[in-house]
C-alpha atoms as a PDB file:
ATOM      1  CA  GLN A   1       0.000   0.000   0.000  1.00  0.00           C
ATOM      2  CA  VAL A   2       1.536   3.277  -1.181  1.00  0.00           C
ATOM      3  CA  GLN A   3       1.394   5.842   1.580  1.00  0.00           C
ATOM      4  CA  LEU A   4       3.542   8.770   0.385  1.00  0.00           C
ATOM      5  CA  VAL A   5       3.814   9.968  -3.202  1.00  0.00           C
ATOM      6  CA  GLU A   6       6.021  12.921  -4.077  1.00  0.00           C
ATOM      7  CA  SER A   7       5.893  14.825  -7.360  1.00  0.00           C
ATOM      8  CA  GLY A   8       6.877  18.093  -8.976  1.00  0.00           C
ATOM      9  CA  GLY A   9      10.627  17.745  -9.264  1.00  0.00           C
ATOM     10  CA  GLY A  10      12.603  18.518 -12.357  1.00  0.00           C
ATOM     11  CA  LEU A  11      15.523  20.369 -13.879  1.00  0.00           C
ATOM     12  CA  VAL A  12      15.697  24.098 -13.275  1.00  0.00           C
ATOM     13  CA  GLN A  13      18.319  26.796 -13.618  1.00  0.00           C
ATOM     14  CA  ALA A  14      19.812  28.470 -10.595  1.00  0.00           C
ATOM     15  CA  GLY A  15      17.485  31.199  -9.380  1.00  0.00           C
ATOM     16  CA  GLY A  16      14.422  29.362 -10.593  1.00  0.00           C
ATOM     17  CA  SER A  17      11.486  27.891  -8.709  1.00  0.00           C
ATOM     18  CA  LEU A  18       9.741  24.567  -8.291  1.00  0.00           C
ATOM     19  CA  ARG A  19       6.732  23.435  -6.304  1.00  0.00           C
ATOM     20  CA  LEU A  20       6.773  19.937  -4.882  1.00  0.00           C
ATOM     21  CA  SER A  21       3.656  18.060  -3.871  1.00  0.00           C
ATOM     22  CA  CYS A  22       3.188  15.125  -1.542  1.00  0.00           C
ATOM     23  CA  ALA A  23       0.072  12.975  -1.332  1.00  0.00           C
ATOM     24  CA  ALA A  24      -0.072  11.185   1.993  1.00  0.00           C
ATOM     25  CA  SER A  25      -2.317   8.520   3.382  1.00  0.00           C
ATOM     26  CA  ARG A  26      -4.662   9.643   6.112  1.00  0.00           C
ATOM     27  CA  SER A  27      -2.924   7.440   8.670  1.00  0.00           C
ATOM     28  CA  ILE A  28       0.346   9.261   8.129  1.00  0.00           C
ATOM     29  CA  PHE A  29      -0.988  12.769   7.590  1.00  0.00           C
ATOM     30  CA  SER A  30      -3.856  13.261   9.967  1.00  0.00           C
ATOM     31  CA  ARG A  31      -3.060  15.687  12.819  1.00  0.00           C
ATOM     32  CA  ASN A  32       0.661  15.020  12.504  1.00  0.00           C
ATOM     33  CA  THR A  33       3.594  17.247  11.786  1.00  0.00           C
ATOM     34  CA  MET A  34       4.726  16.663   8.213  1.00  0.00           C
ATOM     35  CA  GLY A  35       8.127  17.370   6.775  1.00  0.00           C
ATOM     36  CA  TRP A  36      10.153  17.545   3.625  1.00  0.00           C
ATOM     37  CA  TYR A  37      13.544  15.887   3.521  1.00  0.00           C
ATOM     38  CA  ARG A  38      16.267  15.662   0.901  1.00  0.00           C
ATOM     39  CA  GLN A  39      19.128  13.330   0.172  1.00  0.00           C
ATOM     40  CA  VAL A  40      22.206  13.546  -1.983  1.00  0.00           C
ATOM     41  CA  PRO A  41      23.947  10.272  -2.938  1.00  0.00           C
ATOM     42  CA  GLY A  42      26.517   9.363  -0.315  1.00  0.00           C
ATOM     43  CA  LYS A  43      25.068  11.677   2.300  1.00  0.00           C
ATOM     44  CA  THR A  44      22.483  11.225   5.011  1.00  0.00           C
ATOM     45  CA  ARG A  45      18.940  12.385   4.478  1.00  0.00           C
ATOM     46  CA  GLU A  46      18.334  15.811   5.973  1.00  0.00           C
ATOM     47  CA  SER A  47      15.206  17.607   7.048  1.00  0.00           C
ATOM     48  CA  VAL A  48      14.585  20.877   5.247  1.00  0.00           C
ATOM     49  CA  ALA A  49      11.120  21.948   6.372  1.00  0.00           C
ATOM     50  CA  SER A  50       8.236  20.917   8.575  1.00  0.00           C
ATOM     51  CA  ILE A  51       4.705  22.017   9.283  1.00  0.00           C
ATOM     52  CA  THR A  52       2.443  21.159  12.194  1.00  0.00           C
ATOM     53  CA  SER A  53      -1.218  20.315  11.777  1.00  0.00           C
ATOM     54  CA  GLY A  54      -1.935  23.867  12.903  1.00  0.00           C
ATOM     55  CA  GLY A  55       0.347  25.412  10.315  1.00  0.00           C
ATOM     56  CA  ARG A  56       3.426  26.243  12.341  1.00  0.00           C
ATOM     57  CA  THR A  57       6.484  25.949  10.112  1.00  0.00           C
ATOM     58  CA  ASN A  58      10.181  25.359  10.600  1.00  0.00           C
ATOM     59  CA  PHE A  59      13.049  25.436   8.134  1.00  0.00           C
ATOM     60  CA  SER A  60      16.666  24.430   8.031  1.00  0.00           C
ATOM     61  CA  ASP A  61      19.112  27.298   7.863  1.00  0.00           C
ATOM     62  CA  SER A  62      20.115  26.292   4.338  1.00  0.00           C
ATOM     63  CA  VAL A  63      16.638  26.965   2.900  1.00  0.00           C
ATOM     64  CA  LYS A  64      15.225  29.556   5.270  1.00  0.00           C
ATOM     65  CA  GLY A  65      13.868  32.539   3.368  1.00  0.00           C
ATOM     66  CA  ARG A  66      13.779  30.646   0.061  1.00  0.00           C
ATOM     67  CA  PHE A  67      11.442  27.701   0.707  1.00  0.00           C
ATOM     68  CA  THR A  68       7.929  27.668   2.094  1.00  0.00           C
ATOM     69  CA  ILE A  69       5.903  24.676   3.231  1.00  0.00           C
ATOM     70  CA  SER A  70       2.146  24.372   3.294  1.00  0.00           C
ATOM     71  CA  ARG A  71      -0.484  21.694   3.745  1.00  0.00           C
ATOM     72  CA  ASP A  72      -4.066  21.012   2.769  1.00  0.00           C
ATOM     73  CA  ASN A  73      -5.599  19.079   5.625  1.00  0.00           C
ATOM     74  CA  ALA A  74      -8.730  18.272   3.645  1.00  0.00           C
ATOM     75  CA  LYS A  75      -6.728  16.609   0.879  1.00  0.00           C
ATOM     76  CA  ASN A  76      -3.892  15.084   2.926  1.00  0.00           C
ATOM     77  CA  MET A  77      -1.409  17.047   0.815  1.00  0.00           C
ATOM     78  CA  VAL A  78       1.853  18.775   1.697  1.00  0.00           C
ATOM     79  CA  TYR A  79       3.620  21.240  -0.571  1.00  0.00           C
ATOM     80  CA  LEU A  80       7.100  22.691  -0.769  1.00  0.00           C
ATOM     81  CA  GLN A  81       7.528  25.911  -2.713  1.00  0.00           C
ATOM     82  CA  MET A  82      11.191  26.354  -3.585  1.00  0.00           C
ATOM     83  CA  ASN A  83      12.386  29.735  -4.813  1.00  0.00           C
ATOM     84  CA  SER A  84      15.815  31.127  -5.602  1.00  0.00           C
ATOM     85  CA  LEU A  85      17.089  27.619  -6.126  1.00  0.00           C
ATOM     86  CA  LYS A  86      20.811  26.949  -5.904  1.00  0.00           C
ATOM     87  CA  PRO A  87      22.895  24.098  -7.336  1.00  0.00           C
ATOM     88  CA  GLU A  88      23.407  22.834  -3.781  1.00  0.00           C
ATOM     89  CA  ASP A  89      19.646  22.237  -3.549  1.00  0.00           C
ATOM     90  CA  THR A  90      20.077  19.381  -6.023  1.00  0.00           C
ATOM     91  CA  ALA A  91      18.820  16.224  -4.312  1.00  0.00           C
ATOM     92  CA  VAL A  92      16.007  13.723  -4.147  1.00  0.00           C
ATOM     93  CA  TYR A  93      13.229  15.227  -2.076  1.00  0.00           C
ATOM     94  CA  TYR A  94      10.957  13.162   0.143  1.00  0.00           C
ATOM     95  CA  CYS A  95       8.060  13.864   2.435  1.00  0.00           C
ATOM     96  CA  ASN A  96       7.242  12.008   5.612  1.00  0.00           C
ATOM     97  CA  ARG A  97       5.903  12.585   9.044  1.00  0.00           C
ATOM     98  CA  GLN A  98       8.215  14.389  11.446  1.00  0.00           C
ATOM     99  CA  PRO A  99       9.717  12.522  13.234  1.00  0.00           C
ATOM    100  CA  TYR A 100       9.784  10.293  10.184  1.00  0.00           C
ATOM    101  CA  LEU A 101       8.360   6.825   9.892  1.00  0.00           C
ATOM    102  CA  PRO A 102      11.250   4.614   8.699  1.00  0.00           C
ATOM    103  CA  ALA A 103       9.030   2.184   6.806  1.00  0.00           C
ATOM    104  CA  SER A 104       7.026   4.844   4.994  1.00  0.00           C
ATOM    105  CA  TRP A 105       9.450   6.592   2.630  1.00  0.00           C
ATOM    106  CA  GLY A 106       8.098   7.143  -0.860  1.00  0.00           C
ATOM    107  CA  GLN A 107      10.079   7.103  -4.073  1.00  0.00           C
ATOM    108  CA  GLY A 108      10.970  10.784  -3.786  1.00  0.00           C
ATOM    109  CA  THR A 109      11.211  13.345  -6.547  1.00  0.00           C
ATOM    110  CA  GLN A 110      14.471  14.460  -8.133  1.00  0.00           C
ATOM    111  CA  VAL A 111      15.326  18.151  -8.117  1.00  0.00           C
ATOM    112  CA  THR A 112      18.297  19.204 -10.217  1.00  0.00           C
ATOM    113  CA  VAL A 113      19.486  22.806 -10.233  1.00  0.00           C
ATOM    114  CA  SER A 114      21.936  23.754 -12.941  1.00  0.00           C
ATOM    115  CA  SER A 115      24.406  26.589 -12.517  1.00  0.00           C
END
């Protein structure tokens, strides 16, 4: 049973924007803090943004001021708006609950930022 499906990645030039979407199952999403994570090959997965069920947000220092996170509680959806993208933002992006559920990672969506 697929529980997390990410989409919206792609290739973009530095300075550009992308909007990622995550469709989550109710069991994962409902009344829980959700987060976006990213991983570069050879490195550990890192958290970049989170949002509580009430809409309180938190961002890593590396994306603060450039990324925004939002959620649609009626649709079990989480979004990541990424602006002013940099080559170092290149990674596979995943969503999950925060703290994450180890068995629930989706396939992720690749974001590639060219310089």
